[in-house]
Structures are given as C-alpha cells and as structure tokens.
C-alpha cells in the first residue's frame, strides 16, 4: 500500500494499486488526487480537502494555501 500526504491537511492518503496491493489483495480505492490548477501549480489533496476548494471559480495555489492556513489554525485551537 502506497500513501502520500495531502498538501492541505497533511493526512497520509492511501493510493490504490501497485505491487503492494497485488500481494495483500487490498482493493480499496485511492482517497485523493493530484490536481493541476489553472495557474500551473500542482497539489495532491485528499477528497475532503478537494471539497473545500472554491466552487464559484477555478481554484489557484492561493486557495490551497488559504486552506492550509485554516487547517493549521484549527489544529492549534484544539
């Protein structure tokens, strides 16, 4: 099983496929995706963080940074 960190919340996200899944018979789906944004930036985000991106316009790197900052602020208050 391969994992990759979400660029916003830093959670370890499962990436399906690969030789590890072949031997373990794990048939779970990937829990995130790499997004190439209109400004040319690229980020791997979990689906929960993808849902938090703006829907009224094309997201850009500044939107990902904004989400990252809000996620860090939430962690400090708990």
N, C-alpha and C. Protein backbone atom coordinates (compact mmCIF):
# COMPACT_ATOMS: atom_id res chain seq x y z
N UNK A 1 0.85 -1.18 0.00
CA UNK A 1 0.00 0.00 0.00
C UNK A 1 0.89 1.24 0.00
N UNK A 2 0.63 2.12 -0.92
CA UNK A 2 1.37 3.38 -1.00
C UNK A 2 0.51 4.49 -0.40
N UNK A 3 1.19 5.48 0.17
CA UNK A 3 0.49 6.64 0.70
C UNK A 3 1.20 7.91 0.25
N UNK A 4 0.46 9.01 0.31
CA UNK A 4 1.01 10.32 0.02
C UNK A 4 0.33 11.32 0.93
N UNK A 5 1.04 12.34 1.35
CA UNK A 5 0.46 13.35 2.25
C UNK A 5 -0.38 14.35 1.47
N UNK A 6 -1.53 14.70 2.04
CA UNK A 6 -2.36 15.75 1.48
C UNK A 6 -1.63 17.08 1.66
N UNK A 7 -1.61 17.91 0.63
CA UNK A 7 -0.90 19.19 0.68
C UNK A 7 -1.56 20.17 1.64
N UNK A 8 -2.82 19.95 2.01
CA UNK A 8 -3.52 20.86 2.91
C UNK A 8 -3.49 20.36 4.34
N UNK A 9 -4.08 19.20 4.60
CA UNK A 9 -4.25 18.73 5.98
C UNK A 9 -3.12 17.82 6.45
N UNK A 10 -2.22 17.46 5.56
CA UNK A 10 -1.05 16.63 5.87
C UNK A 10 -1.40 15.19 6.26
N UNK A 11 -2.65 14.77 6.07
CA UNK A 11 -3.04 13.39 6.35
C UNK A 11 -2.37 12.46 5.34
N UNK A 12 -2.03 11.26 5.79
CA UNK A 12 -1.48 10.25 4.89
C UNK A 12 -2.65 9.63 4.14
N UNK A 13 -2.64 9.77 2.82
CA UNK A 13 -3.74 9.33 1.98
C UNK A 13 -3.32 8.08 1.21
N UNK A 14 -4.19 7.08 1.23
CA UNK A 14 -3.92 5.82 0.55
C UNK A 14 -4.00 6.01 -0.96
N UNK A 15 -3.03 5.42 -1.64
CA UNK A 15 -3.02 5.42 -3.11
C UNK A 15 -3.17 3.96 -3.54
N UNK A 16 -4.24 3.69 -4.24
CA UNK A 16 -4.55 2.32 -4.65
C UNK A 16 -3.63 1.87 -5.78
N UNK A 17 -3.50 0.57 -5.89
CA UNK A 17 -2.73 -0.02 -6.97
C UNK A 17 -1.30 -0.31 -6.55
N UNK A 18 -0.53 -0.79 -7.46
CA UNK A 18 0.86 -1.10 -7.18
C UNK A 18 1.05 -2.52 -6.71
N UNK A 19 2.28 -2.90 -6.62
CA UNK A 19 2.63 -4.29 -6.28
C UNK A 19 2.20 -4.65 -4.86
N UNK A 20 2.21 -3.69 -3.94
CA UNK A 20 1.81 -3.96 -2.57
C UNK A 20 0.37 -4.44 -2.47
N UNK A 21 -0.51 -3.85 -3.28
CA UNK A 21 -1.91 -4.26 -3.27
C UNK A 21 -2.09 -5.63 -3.92
N UNK A 22 -1.24 -5.96 -4.85
CA UNK A 22 -1.34 -7.25 -5.52
C UNK A 22 -1.17 -8.39 -4.52
N UNK A 23 -0.19 -8.28 -3.64
CA UNK A 23 0.09 -9.33 -2.69
C UNK A 23 -0.84 -9.31 -1.48
N UNK A 24 -1.35 -8.15 -1.12
CA UNK A 24 -2.23 -8.08 0.05
C UNK A 24 -3.70 -8.22 -0.32
N UNK A 25 -4.00 -8.23 -1.60
CA UNK A 25 -5.37 -8.30 -2.09
C UNK A 25 -6.23 -7.16 -1.55
N UNK A 26 -5.62 -6.00 -1.36
CA UNK A 26 -6.35 -4.81 -0.91
C UNK A 26 -6.94 -4.15 -2.15
N UNK A 27 -8.24 -4.04 -2.18
CA UNK A 27 -8.91 -3.49 -3.35
C UNK A 27 -9.63 -2.19 -3.01
N UNK A 28 -9.08 -1.44 -2.08
CA UNK A 28 -9.66 -0.15 -1.70
C UNK A 28 -9.30 0.89 -2.76
N UNK A 29 -10.11 1.92 -2.85
CA UNK A 29 -9.85 2.96 -3.84
C UNK A 29 -8.90 4.01 -3.28
N UNK A 30 -8.33 4.79 -4.17
CA UNK A 30 -7.50 5.91 -3.78
C UNK A 30 -8.36 6.94 -3.07
N UNK A 31 -7.81 7.59 -2.07
CA UNK A 31 -8.59 8.52 -1.24
C UNK A 31 -8.25 9.98 -1.52
N UNK A 32 -7.61 10.26 -2.65
CA UNK A 32 -7.26 11.62 -3.02
C UNK A 32 -6.84 11.68 -4.47
N UNK A 33 -6.42 12.87 -4.91
CA UNK A 33 -5.99 13.02 -6.30
C UNK A 33 -5.05 14.20 -6.44
N UNK A 34 -4.24 14.14 -7.48
CA UNK A 34 -3.37 15.25 -7.81
C UNK A 34 -4.15 16.19 -8.72
N UNK A 35 -4.19 17.46 -8.34
CA UNK A 35 -4.89 18.47 -9.12
C UNK A 35 -3.87 19.42 -9.75
N UNK A 36 -4.02 19.68 -11.04
CA UNK A 36 -3.24 20.71 -11.70
C UNK A 36 -4.17 21.91 -11.85
N UNK A 37 -3.84 22.99 -11.18
CA UNK A 37 -4.70 24.16 -11.15
C UNK A 37 -4.41 25.08 -12.33
N UNK A 38 -5.31 26.03 -12.58
CA UNK A 38 -5.20 26.90 -13.76
C UNK A 38 -3.95 27.77 -13.75
N UNK A 39 -3.37 28.00 -12.59
CA UNK A 39 -2.14 28.81 -12.54
C UNK A 39 -0.88 27.96 -12.74
N UNK A 40 -1.07 26.68 -13.07
CA UNK A 40 0.05 25.80 -13.33
C UNK A 40 0.57 25.06 -12.11
N UNK A 41 0.07 25.38 -10.93
CA UNK A 41 0.51 24.69 -9.72
C UNK A 41 -0.14 23.31 -9.65
N UNK A 42 0.48 22.43 -8.88
CA UNK A 42 0.01 21.05 -8.77
C UNK A 42 0.08 20.62 -7.32
N UNK A 43 -1.01 20.01 -6.83
CA UNK A 43 -1.09 19.59 -5.44
C UNK A 43 -1.79 18.24 -5.35
N UNK A 44 -1.35 17.41 -4.41
CA UNK A 44 -2.09 16.18 -4.10
C UNK A 44 -2.97 16.50 -2.90
N UNK A 45 -4.29 16.32 -3.05
CA UNK A 45 -5.25 16.63 -1.99
C UNK A 45 -6.15 15.42 -1.72
N UNK A 46 -6.50 15.25 -0.44
CA UNK A 46 -7.50 14.24 -0.11
C UNK A 46 -8.86 14.75 -0.61
N UNK A 47 -9.81 13.85 -0.76
CA UNK A 47 -11.11 14.26 -1.29
C UNK A 47 -11.81 15.26 -0.38
N UNK A 48 -11.61 15.15 0.92
CA UNK A 48 -12.22 16.10 1.85
C UNK A 48 -11.72 17.52 1.61
N UNK A 49 -10.43 17.67 1.36
CA UNK A 49 -9.87 19.00 1.09
C UNK A 49 -10.25 19.49 -0.30
N UNK A 50 -10.39 18.58 -1.27
CA UNK A 50 -10.85 18.98 -2.61
C UNK A 50 -12.23 19.62 -2.49
N UNK A 51 -13.08 19.05 -1.64
CA UNK A 51 -14.43 19.58 -1.44
C UNK A 51 -14.43 20.98 -0.85
N UNK A 52 -13.36 21.36 -0.16
CA UNK A 52 -13.27 22.68 0.48
C UNK A 52 -12.77 23.77 -0.47
N UNK A 53 -12.33 23.40 -1.68
CA UNK A 53 -11.88 24.40 -2.66
C UNK A 53 -13.08 25.20 -3.16
N UNK A 54 -12.86 26.44 -3.59
CA UNK A 54 -13.97 27.26 -4.09
C UNK A 54 -14.65 26.62 -5.30
N UNK A 55 -15.96 26.73 -5.33
CA UNK A 55 -16.73 26.16 -6.44
C UNK A 55 -17.19 27.22 -7.43
N UNK A 56 -17.08 28.49 -7.05
CA UNK A 56 -17.59 29.57 -7.90
C UNK A 56 -16.58 30.05 -8.94
N UNK A 57 -15.36 29.50 -8.90
CA UNK A 57 -14.31 29.88 -9.85
C UNK A 57 -13.25 28.79 -9.85
N UNK A 58 -12.32 28.89 -10.79
CA UNK A 58 -11.23 27.92 -10.86
C UNK A 58 -10.28 28.15 -9.68
N UNK A 59 -9.97 27.12 -8.91
CA UNK A 59 -9.04 27.29 -7.79
C UNK A 59 -7.61 27.54 -8.27
N UNK A 60 -6.84 28.26 -7.44
CA UNK A 60 -5.43 28.55 -7.70
C UNK A 60 -4.62 28.20 -6.46
N UNK A 61 -3.30 28.31 -6.57
CA UNK A 61 -2.41 27.96 -5.45
C UNK A 61 -2.75 28.74 -4.18
N UNK A 62 -3.16 29.99 -4.31
CA UNK A 62 -3.51 30.80 -3.14
C UNK A 62 -4.68 30.19 -2.37
N UNK A 63 -5.60 29.54 -3.06
CA UNK A 63 -6.72 28.88 -2.40
C UNK A 63 -6.24 27.69 -1.57
N UNK A 64 -5.29 26.94 -2.11
CA UNK A 64 -4.73 25.80 -1.37
C UNK A 64 -3.98 26.32 -0.14
N UNK A 65 -3.23 27.39 -0.31
CA UNK A 65 -2.51 27.98 0.83
C UNK A 65 -3.48 28.48 1.90
N UNK A 66 -4.59 29.06 1.48
CA UNK A 66 -5.61 29.53 2.41
C UNK A 66 -6.19 28.36 3.21
N UNK A 67 -6.47 27.26 2.52
CA UNK A 67 -6.98 26.07 3.20
C UNK A 67 -5.94 25.52 4.18
N UNK A 68 -4.68 25.52 3.75
CA UNK A 68 -3.60 25.02 4.60
C UNK A 68 -3.51 25.86 5.88
N UNK A 69 -3.60 27.18 5.74
CA UNK A 69 -3.55 28.07 6.90
C UNK A 69 -4.72 27.84 7.84
N UNK A 70 -5.91 27.67 7.27
CA UNK A 70 -7.09 27.45 8.12
C UNK A 70 -7.00 26.10 8.82
N UNK A 71 -6.43 25.11 8.15
CA UNK A 71 -6.26 23.78 8.75
C UNK A 71 -5.25 23.85 9.90
N UNK A 72 -4.17 24.60 9.73
CA UNK A 72 -3.17 24.75 10.78
C UNK A 72 -3.75 25.49 11.97
N UNK A 73 -4.58 26.51 11.71
CA UNK A 73 -5.22 27.25 12.79
C UNK A 73 -6.18 26.37 13.59
N UNK A 74 -6.90 25.49 12.89
CA UNK A 74 -7.81 24.57 13.58
C UNK A 74 -7.04 23.64 14.49
N UNK A 75 -5.87 23.17 14.04
CA UNK A 75 -5.06 22.26 14.85
C UNK A 75 -4.56 22.93 16.12
N UNK A 76 -4.25 24.22 16.06
CA UNK A 76 -3.73 24.93 17.24
C UNK A 76 -4.79 25.22 18.28
N UNK A 77 -6.07 25.26 17.86
CA UNK A 77 -7.13 25.60 18.80
C UNK A 77 -7.66 24.39 19.54
N UNK A 78 -7.36 23.20 19.07
CA UNK A 78 -7.90 22.00 19.72
C UNK A 78 -7.05 21.56 20.87
